[in-house]
Amino acid sequence: MGPTLARMLRRAADLIGDGRRVTAVSRFGSSDTEARLNDAGVETFKCDLLDRDAVARLPDAANVIFMAGQKFGTSGSPATTWAMNVIVPAIAAERYPHARLVAFSTGNVYGLTPIAGGGSRETDTLAPVGDYAQSCVGRERVLEHYSASGGTRIAMLRLNYAADLRYGVLTDIALAVWRGQPVSLTMGHVNVIWQRDANARAIECLPLASSPPFVVNITGPVILSVRELAERFGQIFGKPPGFVGHEAPDALIASTGKATEIFGEPETSVDSMIAWTADWIREGRPLLGKPTHFAARDGAF
């Protein structure tokens, strides 16, 4: 999401035309990603975000969108996940105490909730399952601390799931149907939001950053049936889907009432996402090869 968000900001800044900088900070394991950002006019800085001295050398900024974290690989390296999800945001908050800081969190902090209830709400008690979700609650608590102690203005986005043609829940389901692999129903319902719409929400949250932090769920407004999504792809591909497991009465789902009241409905419809994803898979276009593991119910990633 980071590279696409940075390019979106750069295009917006160019339209404003006041010479503002857009910078992206990362380890940049991919030189191609960094080069494409530079070509788009985004300044880049290579940085180990666990290195306080390196972070201290980053340029000042009035607006910060914090997207760093670790999810996949948590089961094999929980200590690294806790460091990335708790220590790194603390370092960022210390470096930018006077900035407006939009921080990505996750709907995993809620745990599983009954489908009939319409999904978790921002006021619900958090019930994280597993190291990843627990460390994300740690991220939120650390940022709350800096907001309370120093007045840092923060907006926290509890996101699930952003979709892109190259990855995401829809791509996972479509790919399984296309390849004739069974689709897991153990997590029988999901929310999805187009990545562009999720990034737009992150940018729109900058003026909403506050102390105490502003918290909002960012996802699609419709709770979708995994079975029905697979059947839709099956109809498009002409390949009846196979299934494994059974739907449970609960899932990792969120209510978007607050976001819809503030921002309105996301621009991209589920029907469009399904159609685009199906075309992408059928044409054999590039994929990131990063499954979402959306079916996991035990918090192990």
Protein backbone atom coordinates (compact mmCIF):
# COMPACT_ATOMS: atom_id res chain seq x y z
CA MET A 1 0.00 0.00 0.00
CA GLY A 2 2.85 2.37 0.79
CA PRO A 3 4.17 2.97 -2.74
CA THR A 4 0.69 3.56 -4.16
CA LEU A 5 -0.20 5.93 -1.33
CA ALA A 6 3.03 7.89 -1.85
CA ARG A 7 2.34 8.30 -5.56
CA MET A 8 -1.24 9.36 -4.81
CA LEU A 9 0.07 12.05 -2.46
CA ARG A 10 2.64 13.18 -5.02
CA ARG A 11 -0.04 13.63 -7.69
CA ALA A 12 -2.18 15.60 -5.23
CA ALA A 13 0.77 17.78 -4.22
CA ASP A 14 1.51 18.50 -7.88
CA LEU A 15 -2.08 19.62 -8.40
CA ILE A 16 -1.81 21.96 -5.41
CA GLY A 17 1.47 23.25 -6.83
CA ASP A 18 2.93 24.77 -3.66
CA GLY A 19 6.22 22.87 -3.77
CA ARG A 20 5.54 20.56 -0.83
CA ARG A 21 7.69 17.46 -0.43
CA VAL A 22 6.45 13.90 -0.43
CA THR A 23 8.91 11.45 1.10
CA ALA A 24 8.86 7.68 1.56
CA VAL A 25 10.90 5.91 4.24
CA SER A 26 11.66 2.20 4.13
CA ARG A 27 14.45 -0.35 4.08
CA PHE A 28 13.62 -0.63 0.35
CA GLY A 29 14.53 -4.24 -0.19
CA SER A 30 13.38 -3.72 -3.78
CA SER A 31 15.46 -1.21 -5.73
CA ASP A 32 12.78 -1.27 -8.44
CA THR A 33 10.17 0.04 -5.97
CA GLU A 34 12.47 2.87 -4.90
CA ALA A 35 13.30 3.75 -8.50
CA ARG A 36 9.64 3.92 -9.51
CA LEU A 37 8.89 6.20 -6.56
CA ASN A 38 11.77 8.47 -7.53
CA ASP A 39 10.54 8.55 -11.13
CA ALA A 40 7.14 9.67 -9.80
CA GLY A 41 8.77 12.54 -7.89
CA VAL A 42 8.72 10.94 -4.43
CA GLU A 43 11.89 11.42 -2.38
CA THR A 44 13.07 8.22 -0.73
CA PHE A 45 15.10 7.53 2.40
CA LYS A 46 16.51 4.12 3.29
CA CYS A 47 16.22 3.61 7.00
CA ASP A 48 16.13 0.87 9.64
CA LEU A 49 13.15 2.09 11.64
CA LEU A 50 14.40 0.28 14.76
CA ASP A 51 17.50 2.51 14.71
CA ARG A 52 16.62 5.62 16.72
CA ASP A 53 19.66 7.51 15.44
CA ALA A 54 18.75 6.79 11.83
CA VAL A 55 15.14 7.87 12.39
CA ALA A 56 16.39 11.05 14.07
CA ARG A 57 18.19 11.96 10.84
CA LEU A 58 15.02 11.77 8.75
CA PRO A 59 13.64 15.12 7.53
CA ASP A 60 11.06 16.99 9.56
CA ALA A 61 7.44 16.58 8.49
CA ALA A 62 4.14 18.15 9.45
CA ASN A 63 2.17 15.11 8.29
CA VAL A 64 3.21 11.49 8.81
CA ILE A 65 1.43 8.35 7.62
CA PHE A 66 2.81 5.41 9.59
CA MET A 67 2.44 2.08 7.78
CA ALA A 68 5.34 0.02 9.14
CA GLY A 69 4.67 -3.32 10.79
CA GLN A 70 4.99 -7.07 10.55
CA LYS A 71 2.25 -9.67 10.20
CA PHE A 72 3.45 -12.60 8.13
CA GLY A 73 6.30 -14.47 9.74
CA THR A 74 4.97 -13.77 13.22
CA SER A 75 4.66 -17.46 14.11
CA GLY A 76 8.34 -18.03 13.37
CA SER A 77 9.64 -14.77 14.83
CA PRO A 78 7.23 -13.30 17.39
CA ALA A 79 9.94 -11.14 18.98
CA THR A 80 10.57 -9.36 15.69
CA THR A 81 6.85 -8.79 15.25
CA TRP A 82 6.59 -7.20 18.69
CA ALA A 83 9.62 -5.02 17.99
CA MET A 84 8.23 -3.82 14.65
CA ASN A 85 4.69 -3.31 15.91
CA VAL A 86 5.43 -1.73 19.30
CA ILE A 87 8.96 -0.29 19.41
CA VAL A 88 8.95 1.22 15.91
CA PRO A 89 5.77 3.28 16.45
CA ALA A 90 7.22 4.53 19.74
CA ILE A 91 10.36 5.70 17.90
CA ALA A 92 8.22 7.39 15.24
CA ALA A 93 6.08 9.16 17.84
CA GLU A 94 9.21 10.39 19.62
CA ARG A 95 10.66 11.70 16.34
CA TYR A 96 7.48 13.46 15.20
CA PRO A 97 5.71 14.66 18.35
CA HIS A 98 4.24 17.75 16.68
CA ALA A 99 3.13 16.15 13.42
CA ARG A 100 -0.31 14.95 12.50
CA LEU A 101 0.23 11.19 12.54
CA VAL A 102 -2.05 8.71 10.78
CA ALA A 103 -1.18 5.18 11.95
CA PHE A 104 -2.34 1.99 10.30
CA SER A 105 -3.71 -0.60 12.70
CA THR A 106 -5.83 -3.67 11.95
CA GLY A 107 -9.25 -5.16 12.54
CA ASN A 108 -7.45 -8.14 14.10
CA VAL A 109 -7.38 -6.20 17.36
CA TYR A 110 -11.08 -7.02 17.82
CA GLY A 111 -10.91 -10.76 17.40
CA LEU A 112 -13.82 -12.74 15.97
CA THR A 113 -17.31 -11.25 16.26
CA PRO A 114 -20.79 -12.60 15.44
CA ILE A 115 -21.79 -12.09 11.82
CA ALA A 116 -25.34 -11.31 12.86
CA GLY A 117 -24.07 -8.31 14.85
CA GLY A 118 -22.83 -6.49 11.78
CA GLY A 119 -19.15 -6.47 12.69
CA SER A 120 -16.91 -4.88 15.31
CA ARG A 121 -17.31 -1.21 16.18
CA GLU A 122 -14.67 1.23 17.29
CA THR A 123 -16.09 1.31 20.82
CA ASP A 124 -15.97 -2.48 21.27
CA THR A 125 -13.64 -4.04 23.82
CA LEU A 126 -10.52 -5.33 22.11
CA ALA A 127 -9.98 -9.09 22.16
CA PRO A 128 -6.82 -9.84 20.16
CA VAL A 129 -5.93 -13.44 19.37
CA GLY A 130 -2.27 -14.36 18.80
CA ASP A 131 1.00 -12.45 18.82
CA TYR A 132 0.25 -10.39 15.73
CA ALA A 133 -3.06 -9.02 16.97
CA GLN A 134 -1.74 -8.56 20.52
CA SER A 135 1.28 -6.63 19.26
CA CYS A 136 -1.04 -4.41 17.20
CA VAL A 137 -2.95 -3.56 20.36
CA GLY A 138 0.49 -2.75 21.78
CA ARG A 139 1.05 -0.37 18.87
CA GLU A 140 -2.21 1.40 19.60
CA ARG A 141 -1.51 1.65 23.33
CA VAL A 142 1.98 3.06 22.76
CA LEU A 143 0.61 5.70 20.41
CA GLU A 144 -2.15 6.52 22.90
CA HIS A 145 0.58 7.05 25.50
CA TYR A 146 2.45 9.57 23.34
CA SER A 147 -0.78 11.32 22.46
CA ALA A 148 -1.71 11.63 26.15
CA SER A 149 1.74 12.59 27.43
CA GLY A 150 2.81 14.93 24.63
CA GLY A 151 -0.37 15.93 22.88
CA THR A 152 0.61 14.26 19.60
CA ARG A 153 -2.34 14.33 17.21
CA ILE A 154 -3.03 10.80 15.99
CA ALA A 155 -5.58 9.00 13.84
CA MET A 156 -5.61 5.19 14.00
CA LEU A 157 -7.04 3.21 11.09
CA ARG A 158 -8.20 -0.33 11.84
CA LEU A 159 -7.96 -1.83 8.37
CA ASN A 160 -9.18 -5.12 6.91
CA TYR A 161 -8.88 -6.09 4.09
CA ALA A 162 -7.42 -3.89 1.35
CA ALA A 163 -7.58 -5.44 -2.12
CA ASP A 164 -5.33 -4.93 -5.13
CA LEU A 165 -5.31 -6.90 -8.37
CA ARG A 166 -1.94 -8.39 -7.41
CA TYR A 167 -2.94 -9.54 -3.90
CA GLY A 168 -5.78 -9.60 -1.42
CA VAL A 169 -8.69 -11.77 -0.32
CA LEU A 170 -10.45 -11.55 -3.68
CA THR A 171 -7.27 -12.52 -5.51
CA ASP A 172 -6.74 -15.46 -3.12
CA ILE A 173 -10.26 -16.75 -3.71
CA ALA A 174 -10.21 -16.15 -7.48
CA LEU A 175 -6.83 -17.84 -7.82
CA ALA A 176 -8.02 -20.93 -5.93
CA VAL A 177 -11.09 -21.22 -8.15
CA TRP A 178 -9.04 -20.68 -11.31
CA ARG A 179 -6.54 -23.37 -10.29
CA GLY A 180 -9.21 -25.83 -9.18
CA GLN A 181 -8.10 -25.67 -5.55
CA PRO A 182 -10.63 -25.82 -2.68
CA VAL A 183 -11.61 -22.54 -1.05
CA SER A 184 -11.50 -22.59 2.75
CA LEU A 185 -14.74 -21.65 4.49
CA THR A 186 -13.28 -21.61 8.02
CA MET A 187 -13.46 -17.81 7.87
CA GLY A 188 -16.73 -17.69 6.03
CA HIS A 189 -17.25 -13.93 5.86
CA VAL A 190 -15.00 -10.93 5.13
CA ASN A 191 -14.98 -7.21 4.43
CA VAL A 192 -12.85 -5.87 1.59
CA ILE A 193 -12.02 -2.38 0.34
CA TRP A 194 -10.20 -1.39 -2.81
CA GLN A 195 -6.64 -0.34 -2.00
CA ARG A 196 -7.03 3.07 -3.62
CA ASP A 197 -10.09 3.78 -1.48
CA ALA A 198 -8.27 2.66 1.67
CA ASN A 199 -5.33 4.93 0.85
CA ALA A 200 -7.70 7.82 0.20
CA ARG A 201 -9.23 7.27 3.63
CA ALA A 202 -5.77 7.38 5.21
CA ILE A 203 -5.05 10.74 3.60
CA GLU A 204 -8.49 12.06 4.57
CA CYS A 205 -7.75 11.13 8.18
CA LEU A 206 -4.84 13.58 8.46
CA PRO A 207 -7.04 16.56 9.45
CA LEU A 208 -8.94 14.29 11.85
CA ALA A 209 -5.84 13.41 13.88
CA SER A 210 -6.38 14.42 17.48
CA SER A 211 -5.41 13.91 21.10
CA PRO A 212 -6.79 11.55 22.33
CA PRO A 213 -6.46 9.63 19.06
CA PHE A 214 -9.24 9.45 16.49
CA VAL A 215 -10.01 5.77 15.76
CA VAL A 216 -11.91 4.46 12.74
CA ASN A 217 -12.55 1.16 10.96
CA ILE A 218 -11.49 1.23 7.33
CA THR A 219 -12.95 -1.51 5.14
CA GLY A 220 -15.83 -2.17 2.79
CA PRO A 221 -19.35 -1.61 4.17
CA VAL A 222 -20.69 -5.00 3.03
CA ILE A 223 -20.04 -8.26 4.91
CA LEU A 224 -19.32 -10.71 2.11
CA SER A 225 -19.82 -14.47 2.06
CA VAL A 226 -16.64 -16.31 1.01
CA ARG A 227 -18.79 -19.08 -0.48
CA GLU A 228 -20.74 -16.61 -2.59
CA LEU A 229 -17.56 -14.85 -3.74
CA ALA A 230 -16.10 -18.19 -4.87
CA GLU A 231 -19.32 -19.03 -6.69
CA ARG A 232 -19.21 -15.64 -8.46
CA PHE A 233 -15.69 -16.34 -9.68
CA GLY A 234 -16.74 -19.84 -10.64
CA GLN A 235 -19.50 -18.44 -12.86
CA ILE A 236 -17.08 -16.03 -14.53
CA PHE A 237 -14.41 -18.67 -15.10
CA GLY A 238 -16.81 -21.47 -15.96
CA LYS A 239 -15.24 -23.55 -13.20
CA PRO A 240 -17.43 -24.68 -10.29
CA PRO A 241 -15.54 -23.99 -7.04
CA GLY A 242 -14.69 -26.60 -4.44
CA PHE A 243 -14.78 -25.93 -0.72
CA VAL A 244 -13.21 -27.20 2.48
CA GLY A 245 -14.47 -26.56 5.99
CA HIS A 246 -17.68 -24.93 7.14
CA GLU A 247 -18.78 -21.38 7.89
CA ALA A 248 -18.71 -20.37 11.55
CA PRO A 249 -21.22 -17.96 13.12
CA ASP A 250 -18.41 -15.43 13.72
CA ALA A 251 -15.60 -13.91 11.67
CA LEU A 252 -13.07 -11.10 11.53
CA ILE A 253 -15.46 -8.43 10.29
CA ALA A 254 -15.99 -4.75 11.02
CA SER A 255 -18.79 -2.21 10.98
CA THR A 256 -18.07 0.88 8.88
CA GLY A 257 -20.88 3.08 10.15
CA LYS A 258 -18.48 5.70 11.52
CA ALA A 259 -16.36 5.82 8.36
CA THR A 260 -19.40 6.02 6.10
CA GLU A 261 -20.83 8.89 8.12
CA ILE A 262 -17.59 10.84 7.79
CA PHE A 263 -16.32 9.89 4.33
CA GLY A 264 -19.31 8.40 2.52
CA GLU A 265 -19.23 5.07 0.68
CA PRO A 266 -15.98 3.88 -0.94
CA GLU A 267 -15.90 4.72 -4.64
CA THR A 268 -15.13 1.21 -5.86
CA SER A 269 -17.93 -1.37 -5.78
CA VAL A 270 -17.54 -5.03 -4.93
CA ASP A 271 -18.87 -5.91 -8.39
CA SER A 272 -16.08 -3.89 -10.02
CA MET A 273 -13.44 -5.49 -7.80
CA ILE A 274 -14.69 -8.97 -8.67
CA ALA A 275 -14.76 -8.26 -12.41
CA TRP A 276 -11.31 -6.67 -12.46
CA THR A 277 -9.81 -9.45 -10.35
CA ALA A 278 -11.28 -12.16 -12.55
CA ASP A 279 -9.89 -10.53 -15.70
CA TRP A 280 -6.48 -10.13 -14.07
CA ILE A 281 -6.29 -13.79 -13.04
CA ARG A 282 -7.63 -15.09 -16.34
CA GLU A 283 -5.06 -13.05 -18.29
CA GLY A 284 -2.19 -14.38 -16.16
CA ARG A 285 -1.09 -10.94 -15.04
CA PRO A 286 1.62 -10.46 -12.35
CA LEU A 287 0.88 -11.35 -8.72
CA LEU A 288 2.82 -10.49 -5.57
CA GLY A 289 2.70 -14.07 -4.32
CA LYS A 290 1.68 -12.95 -0.82
CA PRO A 291 -1.43 -14.84 0.35
CA THR A 292 -3.49 -13.03 2.97
CA HIS A 293 -4.14 -16.16 5.08
CA PHE A 294 -7.58 -14.66 5.66
CA ALA A 295 -8.93 -18.09 6.68
CA ALA A 296 -6.77 -18.23 9.82
CA ARG A 297 -8.92 -18.20 12.96
CA ASP A 298 -6.18 -18.79 15.53
CA GLY A 299 -4.24 -15.57 14.99
CA ALA A 300 -1.18 -17.47 13.72
CA PHE A 301 0.45 -15.83 10.69
